[in-house]
Amino acid sequence: MVTGGASGIGEATVRALVKEGAGVVIADLQRELGEALATELGDRAVFCQTDVTREVDIELAVATAVKRFGCLSGMVHCAGVVGAVGSITDTSVEAYQRTMDIHCKGALLCVKHAARVMGEGSAIVTISSTAGLLGGQGPHVYTMAKHAVIGLTRSAASELMARKIRVNAVAPGGTVTPLVNHLAGVDADTTAAVLAEQSPLGIACMPEDIAAAILYLLGPESRYVTGHTLTVDAGLTTAGWNPPPFFSQDAQLLLHAGQREDAAAD
C-alpha cells in the first residue's frame, strides 16, 4: 500500500513495486490520477480514494489490500504537502494543523493499521525529508513534521522489531515532483535544471531515485535494517546548502489560492 501513490514519488514507487511483481493499493485523494494509474498497471494495482487524515479511510485501504491480495506485507506513507510557509511570526494555527495532520497523523494511522495486519518479515517505510534532519531545508511546520516522522519511525521500530516487522524512513532532498514544480511555479525541466545545479553530484533527483531507496527498505536486502533513516540527497546535508526562501514575509505567495487541499504525494 502506497499513500500519495497517484503522483510524484508515490507514483514512481507504485510503478517500481508492480514491475517487481507486487500487488499495490494506490491510496490517494486524487481519484482521476489514481484510477488512471491503476487501469494502466492492470490487475496488480487497485485504487482506493484515501484521505490520510481520516482513520476510516486508512482502515479501508488496508482492508482493501488484504482482501485483494491476501495480505499486507509493505506500507509506504508517501502522502504529503508543503503546507504552511512564511515567517514563524506569520504561521497560522490552521495551516499548522493541516500540515501536521497530513504528515504526522497520517504516518501514525498508516503505521498503526499496517502493523495490526502485518506478519513476520513485513516492512513499513515512512517518507521524511532532509528537512527532518536539519533546519533551513524547508518551511517551519514542514520541518517540524518531518522531524516527527523520523521520531515515530524509530519509536515504532523499537516496538515492532519483536514481531519482526521493520520500520524505516527515507529522507529525500529536493526532487523533481509535481508538488515541487507547483511550489516553484515552473515546469519539470526547469526544476530539474535548478536541482542539478544545486546538487553536489551535478544531477537532479528524480522520483525513481527515491522509489529505489524505498524498494530497498521494503525488500529482503534490508532484512537487518530497522529504525534507520536513509538520506537520498546527493550529499547536500553533508556538503551544506543555502536554504530556500520559505521564511520570507511574502512566501505565502508561492502557494496561491488554487493549491489543492488534498494530500498530494511529496
Protein backbone atom coordinates (compact mmCIF):
# COMPACT_ATOMS: atom_id res chain seq x y z
CA MET A 1 0.00 0.00 0.00
CA VAL A 2 1.35 3.40 -1.01
CA THR A 3 -0.30 6.59 0.24
CA GLY A 4 0.11 9.50 -2.14
CA GLY A 5 0.58 6.82 -4.78
CA ALA A 6 -1.11 8.65 -7.65
CA SER A 7 1.71 11.11 -8.40
CA GLY A 8 5.29 12.08 -7.69
CA ILE A 9 7.43 9.80 -5.53
CA GLY A 10 4.38 7.72 -4.65
CA GLU A 11 3.59 7.02 -8.30
CA ALA A 12 7.20 6.08 -9.03
CA THR A 13 7.11 3.71 -6.06
CA VAL A 14 3.88 2.09 -7.23
CA ARG A 15 5.33 1.57 -10.70
CA ALA A 16 8.53 0.09 -9.30
CA LEU A 17 6.65 -2.28 -7.00
CA VAL A 18 4.39 -3.54 -9.78
CA LYS A 19 7.44 -4.03 -12.02
CA GLU A 20 8.89 -6.25 -9.26
CA GLY A 21 5.71 -8.32 -9.24
CA ALA A 22 3.98 -6.88 -6.20
CA GLY A 23 0.29 -6.09 -5.90
CA VAL A 24 -0.25 -2.49 -4.79
CA VAL A 25 -3.07 -0.42 -3.32
CA ILE A 26 -2.78 3.16 -4.58
CA ALA A 27 -4.14 5.17 -1.65
CA ASP A 28 -4.62 8.79 -2.68
CA LEU A 29 -7.20 11.58 -2.75
CA GLN A 30 -6.58 12.24 -6.44
CA ARG A 31 -9.22 9.96 -7.93
CA GLU A 32 -8.68 10.73 -11.60
CA LEU A 33 -4.91 10.22 -11.46
CA GLY A 34 -5.18 7.20 -9.19
CA GLU A 35 -7.77 5.39 -11.26
CA ALA A 36 -5.86 6.09 -14.47
CA LEU A 37 -2.67 4.68 -12.96
CA ALA A 38 -4.45 1.57 -11.67
CA THR A 39 -6.04 0.99 -15.07
CA GLU A 40 -2.68 1.36 -16.79
CA LEU A 41 -0.96 -1.10 -14.43
CA GLY A 42 -3.68 -3.74 -14.63
CA ASP A 43 -4.53 -6.45 -12.12
CA ARG A 44 -1.50 -5.76 -9.91
CA ALA A 45 -2.83 -2.35 -8.83
CA VAL A 46 -6.05 -1.07 -7.32
CA PHE A 47 -7.01 2.50 -6.44
CA CYS A 48 -8.59 3.38 -3.11
CA GLN A 49 -9.53 7.02 -2.57
CA THR A 50 -7.90 7.92 0.73
CA ASP A 51 -7.61 10.97 2.94
CA VAL A 52 -4.69 10.05 5.21
CA THR A 53 -6.04 12.26 7.99
CA ARG A 54 -9.19 10.10 8.25
CA GLU A 55 -8.72 6.87 10.18
CA VAL A 56 -11.66 5.21 8.46
CA ASP A 57 -10.01 5.82 5.07
CA ILE A 58 -6.73 4.21 6.17
CA GLU A 59 -8.61 1.25 7.64
CA LEU A 60 -10.48 0.80 4.34
CA ALA A 61 -7.29 0.97 2.25
CA VAL A 62 -5.58 -1.61 4.47
CA ALA A 63 -8.63 -3.85 4.31
CA THR A 64 -8.64 -3.47 0.52
CA ALA A 65 -5.04 -4.69 0.38
CA VAL A 66 -5.81 -7.75 2.47
CA LYS A 67 -8.99 -8.58 0.55
CA ARG A 68 -7.50 -8.04 -2.92
CA PHE A 69 -4.03 -9.52 -2.43
CA GLY A 70 -4.41 -11.75 0.62
CA CYS A 71 -2.07 -9.83 2.92
CA LEU A 72 -0.30 -6.54 3.53
CA SER A 73 3.47 -7.01 3.62
CA GLY A 74 4.59 -3.46 2.79
CA MET A 75 3.34 0.01 3.68
CA VAL A 76 4.70 3.29 2.33
CA HIS A 77 3.40 6.59 3.72
CA CYS A 78 4.25 9.00 0.93
CA ALA A 79 1.34 11.45 1.04
CA GLY A 80 2.29 14.99 1.93
CA VAL A 81 2.01 18.71 1.26
CA VAL A 82 4.31 21.68 1.66
CA GLY A 83 1.71 23.20 3.93
CA ALA A 84 2.31 26.35 5.96
CA VAL A 85 5.01 28.65 4.57
CA GLY A 86 6.32 32.04 5.57
CA SER A 87 7.86 33.60 8.65
CA ILE A 88 7.40 31.89 12.01
CA THR A 89 5.72 35.09 13.18
CA ASP A 90 3.04 34.73 10.49
CA THR A 91 2.31 31.00 10.68
CA SER A 92 -1.38 30.38 11.24
CA VAL A 93 -2.65 27.67 13.57
CA GLU A 94 -4.95 26.43 10.80
CA ALA A 95 -2.08 25.96 8.34
CA TYR A 96 0.00 24.35 11.08
CA GLN A 97 -2.75 21.86 11.93
CA ARG A 98 -3.37 20.81 8.33
CA THR A 99 0.34 20.29 7.70
CA MET A 100 0.81 18.24 10.86
CA ASP A 101 -2.33 16.18 10.25
CA ILE A 102 -1.24 15.04 6.80
CA HIS A 103 2.36 14.26 7.67
CA CYS A 104 2.18 13.13 11.31
CA LYS A 105 -1.36 11.91 11.91
CA GLY A 106 -1.22 10.26 8.51
CA ALA A 107 2.03 8.49 9.36
CA LEU A 108 0.68 7.35 12.72
CA LEU A 109 -2.50 5.94 11.19
CA CYS A 110 -0.58 4.14 8.45
CA VAL A 111 1.84 2.51 10.89
CA LYS A 112 -0.95 1.67 13.32
CA HIS A 113 -3.24 -0.07 10.88
CA ALA A 114 -0.50 -1.72 8.83
CA ALA A 115 1.04 -3.20 11.98
CA ARG A 116 -2.31 -4.66 13.00
CA VAL A 117 -2.46 -6.95 9.96
CA MET A 118 1.21 -7.46 9.07
CA GLY A 119 3.08 -10.67 9.65
CA GLU A 120 6.71 -11.55 10.22
CA GLY A 121 9.06 -10.15 7.59
CA SER A 122 6.83 -7.19 6.66
CA ALA A 123 8.17 -3.66 6.31
CA ILE A 124 6.92 -0.11 6.71
CA VAL A 125 8.57 2.92 5.11
CA THR A 126 7.75 6.49 6.04
CA ILE A 127 8.84 9.48 3.98
CA SER A 128 10.64 12.18 5.88
CA SER A 129 12.93 14.76 4.25
CA THR A 130 16.28 16.43 4.63
CA ALA A 131 14.10 18.98 6.43
CA GLY A 132 13.60 16.26 9.02
CA LEU A 133 17.34 16.21 9.67
CA LEU A 134 18.37 19.88 9.60
CA GLY A 135 16.89 23.34 9.91
CA GLY A 136 16.70 25.62 6.88
CA GLN A 137 15.77 22.87 4.45
CA GLY A 138 12.04 23.62 4.32
CA PRO A 139 9.19 25.62 5.86
CA HIS A 140 8.96 25.65 9.65
CA VAL A 141 5.94 23.39 10.16
CA TYR A 142 7.02 21.02 7.37
CA THR A 143 10.41 20.77 9.09
CA MET A 144 8.72 20.11 12.42
CA ALA A 145 6.51 17.42 10.91
CA LYS A 146 9.33 15.66 9.10
CA HIS A 147 11.40 15.53 12.30
CA ALA A 148 8.36 13.97 13.97
CA VAL A 149 8.06 11.34 11.24
CA ILE A 150 11.61 10.20 11.98
CA GLY A 151 10.78 10.07 15.69
CA LEU A 152 7.73 7.91 15.02
CA THR A 153 9.75 5.66 12.74
CA ARG A 154 12.36 4.99 15.42
CA SER A 155 9.78 4.52 18.16
CA ALA A 156 7.58 2.17 16.14
CA ALA A 157 10.63 0.20 15.03
CA SER A 158 11.59 -0.33 18.66
CA GLU A 159 8.22 -1.94 19.36
CA LEU A 160 7.61 -3.83 16.15
CA MET A 161 11.04 -5.46 15.93
CA ALA A 162 9.77 -8.00 18.45
CA ARG A 163 7.27 -9.08 15.79
CA LYS A 164 9.97 -8.99 13.07
CA ILE A 165 8.30 -6.05 11.33
CA ARG A 166 10.80 -3.46 10.19
CA VAL A 167 10.11 0.29 10.14
CA ASN A 168 12.42 2.70 8.32
CA ALA A 169 12.31 6.17 6.80
CA VAL A 170 13.61 7.76 3.63
CA ALA A 171 14.74 11.40 3.71
CA PRO A 172 14.77 12.80 0.16
CA GLY A 173 16.42 16.05 -0.79
CA GLY A 174 14.87 18.24 -3.47
CA THR A 175 13.18 16.01 -6.03
CA VAL A 176 11.52 16.73 -9.37
CA THR A 177 7.87 16.16 -8.47
CA PRO A 178 4.59 17.92 -9.34
CA LEU A 179 4.50 19.35 -5.81
CA VAL A 180 7.92 20.99 -6.15
CA ASN A 181 7.13 22.21 -9.66
CA HIS A 182 3.91 23.79 -8.40
CA LEU A 183 5.60 25.44 -5.45
CA ALA A 184 8.31 26.94 -7.65
CA GLY A 185 5.83 27.89 -10.38
CA VAL A 186 7.92 26.26 -13.11
CA ASP A 187 7.84 23.15 -15.29
CA ALA A 188 9.62 19.88 -14.55
CA ASP A 189 12.53 20.63 -16.88
CA THR A 190 13.25 23.90 -15.10
CA THR A 191 13.00 22.23 -11.70
CA ALA A 192 15.42 19.52 -12.86
CA ALA A 193 17.91 22.10 -14.12
CA VAL A 194 17.84 24.05 -10.84
CA LEU A 195 18.19 20.92 -8.69
CA ALA A 196 21.06 19.63 -10.83
CA GLU A 197 22.84 22.95 -10.41
CA GLN A 198 22.43 22.72 -6.60
CA SER A 199 23.45 19.06 -6.43
CA PRO A 200 26.99 18.15 -5.31
CA LEU A 201 26.74 15.29 -7.82
CA GLY A 202 25.54 17.61 -10.58
CA ILE A 203 22.34 15.67 -11.26
CA ALA A 204 18.71 16.20 -10.35
CA CYS A 205 16.95 13.74 -8.07
CA MET A 206 14.02 12.09 -9.80
CA PRO A 207 11.10 10.25 -8.16
CA GLU A 208 12.58 6.97 -9.40
CA ASP A 209 15.71 7.60 -7.29
CA ILE A 210 13.61 7.78 -4.14
CA ALA A 211 11.50 4.81 -5.21
CA ALA A 212 14.68 2.73 -5.49
CA ALA A 213 15.57 3.56 -1.88
CA ILE A 214 12.04 2.68 -0.77
CA LEU A 215 12.17 -0.67 -2.56
CA TYR A 216 15.46 -1.47 -0.84
CA LEU A 217 13.91 -0.83 2.58
CA LEU A 218 10.84 -2.91 1.71
CA GLY A 219 12.82 -5.83 0.35
CA PRO A 220 14.84 -8.74 1.76
CA GLU A 221 18.15 -7.00 1.01
CA SER A 222 17.47 -4.74 4.02
CA ARG A 223 16.37 -7.56 6.34
CA TYR A 224 18.84 -6.38 9.03
CA VAL A 225 17.84 -2.71 8.84
CA THR A 226 15.19 -1.13 11.06
CA GLY A 227 14.76 2.21 12.79
CA HIS A 228 17.01 3.75 10.14
CA THR A 229 16.60 6.95 8.09
CA LEU A 230 18.09 6.60 4.61
CA THR A 231 19.07 10.02 3.27
CA VAL A 232 18.90 10.42 -0.51
CA ASP A 233 20.18 13.92 -1.26
CA ALA A 234 23.43 13.70 -3.25
CA GLY A 235 25.27 14.74 -0.10
CA LEU A 236 23.55 18.11 0.33
CA THR A 237 23.20 17.63 4.08
CA THR A 238 26.90 16.76 4.17
CA ALA A 239 28.21 19.45 1.84
CA GLY A 240 25.89 22.24 3.01
CA TRP A 241 23.17 24.14 1.16
CA ASN A 242 21.72 27.63 1.10
CA PRO A 243 18.12 27.39 2.35
CA PRO A 244 15.24 28.30 0.01
CA PRO A 245 13.14 31.42 0.60
CA PHE A 246 10.47 29.64 2.64
CA PHE A 247 10.81 32.05 5.55
CA SER A 248 10.21 35.37 3.80
CA GLN A 249 7.21 37.53 4.66
CA ASP A 250 5.75 37.05 1.18
CA ALA A 251 6.49 33.33 0.90
CA GLN A 252 2.76 32.64 1.12
CA LEU A 253 2.52 33.92 -2.44
CA LEU A 254 4.29 30.76 -3.53
CA LEU A 255 1.17 28.85 -2.60
CA HIS A 256 -1.59 30.60 -4.49
CA ALA A 257 -5.26 30.21 -3.74
CA GLY A 258 -5.62 27.41 -6.27
CA GLN A 259 -3.42 24.99 -4.38
CA ARG A 260 -5.19 21.68 -3.80
CA GLU A 261 -6.42 20.92 -0.32
CA ASP A 262 -5.61 17.24 -0.66
CA ALA A 263 -2.63 15.18 0.44
CA ALA A 264 -0.76 15.04 -2.85
CA ALA A 265 2.43 12.98 -2.94
CA ASP A 266 5.68 14.59 -1.77
